Amino acid sequence: MNELTEILNEIRPGQDFLSVDNFFDQGVLDSLDLTTLVAALESRYGVFIDVDEMVTDNFRNLAAIQSLLARKGVKI
C-alpha cells in the first residue's frame, strides 16, 4: 500500500489517505484526480484500466484500488 499512497501523494500532497473511507465523498479526490490516478497506475504497474472500470467505487479508498489492481494481476 505504500506505493499507492506515494502515487496518491504525488496527485494530492499532504492528504492522509490511510484514514479516509471514501476519497470522493470526503473531497480528497475529484474526477480530474481520478483521471490522473488511472494514468499513474497504468504507467506504474503496466496495466490497462478500461473506461468501464473508471468509476469512483473502484477508487474510493486504498483497499478498493488494491482490489482493482489485484483483479489485474498486480500484487502490492
C-alpha atoms as a PDB file:
ATOM      1  CA  MET A   1       0.000   0.000   0.000  1.00  0.00           C
ATOM      2  CA  ASN A   2       2.960   2.295   0.460  1.00  0.00           C
ATOM      3  CA  GLU A   3       3.342   2.578  -3.328  1.00  0.00           C
ATOM      4  CA  LEU A   4      -0.314   3.554  -3.643  1.00  0.00           C
ATOM      5  CA  THR A   5      -0.008   6.273  -1.024  1.00  0.00           C
ATOM      6  CA  GLU A   6       3.106   7.569  -2.808  1.00  0.00           C
ATOM      7  CA  ILE A   7       1.173   7.803  -6.085  1.00  0.00           C
ATOM      8  CA  LEU A   8      -1.761   9.490  -4.371  1.00  0.00           C
ATOM      9  CA  ASN A   9       0.550  11.945  -2.595  1.00  0.00           C
ATOM     10  CA  GLU A  10       2.006  12.940  -5.964  1.00  0.00           C
ATOM     11  CA  ILE A  11      -1.538  13.806  -7.082  1.00  0.00           C
ATOM     12  CA  ARG A  12      -2.752  15.427  -3.831  1.00  0.00           C
ATOM     13  CA  PRO A  13       0.154  16.153  -1.473  1.00  0.00           C
ATOM     14  CA  GLY A  14      -0.493  16.420   2.234  1.00  0.00           C
ATOM     15  CA  GLN A  15      -3.612  14.244   2.432  1.00  0.00           C
ATOM     16  CA  ASP A  16      -3.971  11.418   4.951  1.00  0.00           C
ATOM     17  CA  PHE A  17      -5.140   8.724   2.555  1.00  0.00           C
ATOM     18  CA  LEU A  18      -4.929   5.987   5.188  1.00  0.00           C
ATOM     19  CA  SER A  19      -7.722   7.387   7.336  1.00  0.00           C
ATOM     20  CA  VAL A  20     -10.231   8.244   4.592  1.00  0.00           C
ATOM     21  CA  ASP A  21     -13.164   5.924   3.895  1.00  0.00           C
ATOM     22  CA  ASN A  22     -14.193   7.470   0.585  1.00  0.00           C
ATOM     23  CA  PHE A  23     -11.814   9.799  -1.251  1.00  0.00           C
ATOM     24  CA  PHE A  24     -14.566  11.284  -3.409  1.00  0.00           C
ATOM     25  CA  ASP A  25     -17.350  11.677  -0.852  1.00  0.00           C
ATOM     26  CA  GLN A  26     -14.922  13.289   1.581  1.00  0.00           C
ATOM     27  CA  GLY A  27     -13.491  15.680  -1.023  1.00  0.00           C
ATOM     28  CA  VAL A  28      -9.966  14.275  -1.036  1.00  0.00           C
ATOM     29  CA  LEU A  29     -10.042  13.477  -4.777  1.00  0.00           C
ATOM     30  CA  ASP A  30     -12.147  14.738  -7.667  1.00  0.00           C
ATOM     31  CA  SER A  31     -12.846  13.493 -11.191  1.00  0.00           C
ATOM     32  CA  LEU A  32      -9.718  15.118 -12.628  1.00  0.00           C
ATOM     33  CA  ASP A  33      -7.668  13.416  -9.925  1.00  0.00           C
ATOM     34  CA  LEU A  34      -9.274  10.105 -10.905  1.00  0.00           C
ATOM     35  CA  THR A  35      -8.043  10.513 -14.476  1.00  0.00           C
ATOM     36  CA  THR A  36      -4.559  11.367 -13.248  1.00  0.00           C
ATOM     37  CA  LEU A  37      -4.609   8.397 -10.854  1.00  0.00           C
ATOM     38  CA  VAL A  38      -5.645   5.974 -13.586  1.00  0.00           C
ATOM     39  CA  ALA A  39      -2.815   7.185 -15.833  1.00  0.00           C
ATOM     40  CA  ALA A  40      -0.310   6.845 -12.980  1.00  0.00           C
ATOM     41  CA  LEU A  41      -1.474   3.323 -12.106  1.00  0.00           C
ATOM     42  CA  GLU A  42      -1.367   2.219 -15.731  1.00  0.00           C
ATOM     43  CA  SER A  43       2.141   3.585 -16.097  1.00  0.00           C
ATOM     44  CA  ARG A  44       3.496   2.263 -12.792  1.00  0.00           C
ATOM     45  CA  TYR A  45       2.015  -1.226 -12.970  1.00  0.00           C
ATOM     46  CA  GLY A  46       1.750  -1.795 -16.730  1.00  0.00           C
ATOM     47  CA  VAL A  47      -1.992  -2.430 -16.650  1.00  0.00           C
ATOM     48  CA  PHE A  48      -4.889  -1.131 -18.707  1.00  0.00           C
ATOM     49  CA  ILE A  49      -7.890   0.246 -16.849  1.00  0.00           C
ATOM     50  CA  ASP A  50     -10.924   0.220 -19.097  1.00  0.00           C
ATOM     51  CA  VAL A  51     -13.256   3.213 -19.169  1.00  0.00           C
ATOM     52  CA  ASP A  52     -15.984   0.995 -17.667  1.00  0.00           C
ATOM     53  CA  GLU A  53     -13.743   0.474 -14.643  1.00  0.00           C
ATOM     54  CA  MET A  54     -13.190   4.190 -14.124  1.00  0.00           C
ATOM     55  CA  VAL A  55     -15.929   4.541 -11.541  1.00  0.00           C
ATOM     56  CA  THR A  56     -15.418   6.029  -8.112  1.00  0.00           C
ATOM     57  CA  ASP A  57     -16.320   2.743  -6.393  1.00  0.00           C
ATOM     58  CA  ASN A  58     -13.101   1.227  -7.770  1.00  0.00           C
ATOM     59  CA  PHE A  59     -11.029   4.130  -6.417  1.00  0.00           C
ATOM     60  CA  ARG A  60     -12.909   5.183  -3.255  1.00  0.00           C
ATOM     61  CA  ASN A  61     -10.102   4.166  -0.878  1.00  0.00           C
ATOM     62  CA  LEU A  62      -6.807   2.300  -0.750  1.00  0.00           C
ATOM     63  CA  ALA A  63      -8.464  -1.099  -0.348  1.00  0.00           C
ATOM     64  CA  ALA A  64     -10.678  -0.549  -3.414  1.00  0.00           C
ATOM     65  CA  ILE A  65      -7.695   0.459  -5.539  1.00  0.00           C
ATOM     66  CA  GLN A  66      -5.706  -2.521  -4.304  1.00  0.00           C
ATOM     67  CA  SER A  67      -8.641  -4.809  -5.154  1.00  0.00           C
ATOM     68  CA  LEU A  68      -8.873  -3.388  -8.676  1.00  0.00           C
ATOM     69  CA  LEU A  69      -5.152  -3.880  -9.208  1.00  0.00           C
ATOM     70  CA  ALA A  70      -5.357  -7.421  -7.828  1.00  0.00           C
ATOM     71  CA  ARG A  71      -8.013  -8.216 -10.436  1.00  0.00           C
ATOM     72  CA  LYS A  72      -5.473  -7.002 -12.993  1.00  0.00           C
ATOM     73  CA  GLY A  73      -2.839  -9.385 -11.600  1.00  0.00           C
ATOM     74  CA  VAL A  74      -0.878  -6.769  -9.651  1.00  0.00           C
ATOM     75  CA  LYS A  75       0.240  -7.667  -6.134  1.00  0.00           C
ATOM     76  CA  ILE A  76       1.031  -4.783  -3.833  1.00  0.00           C
END
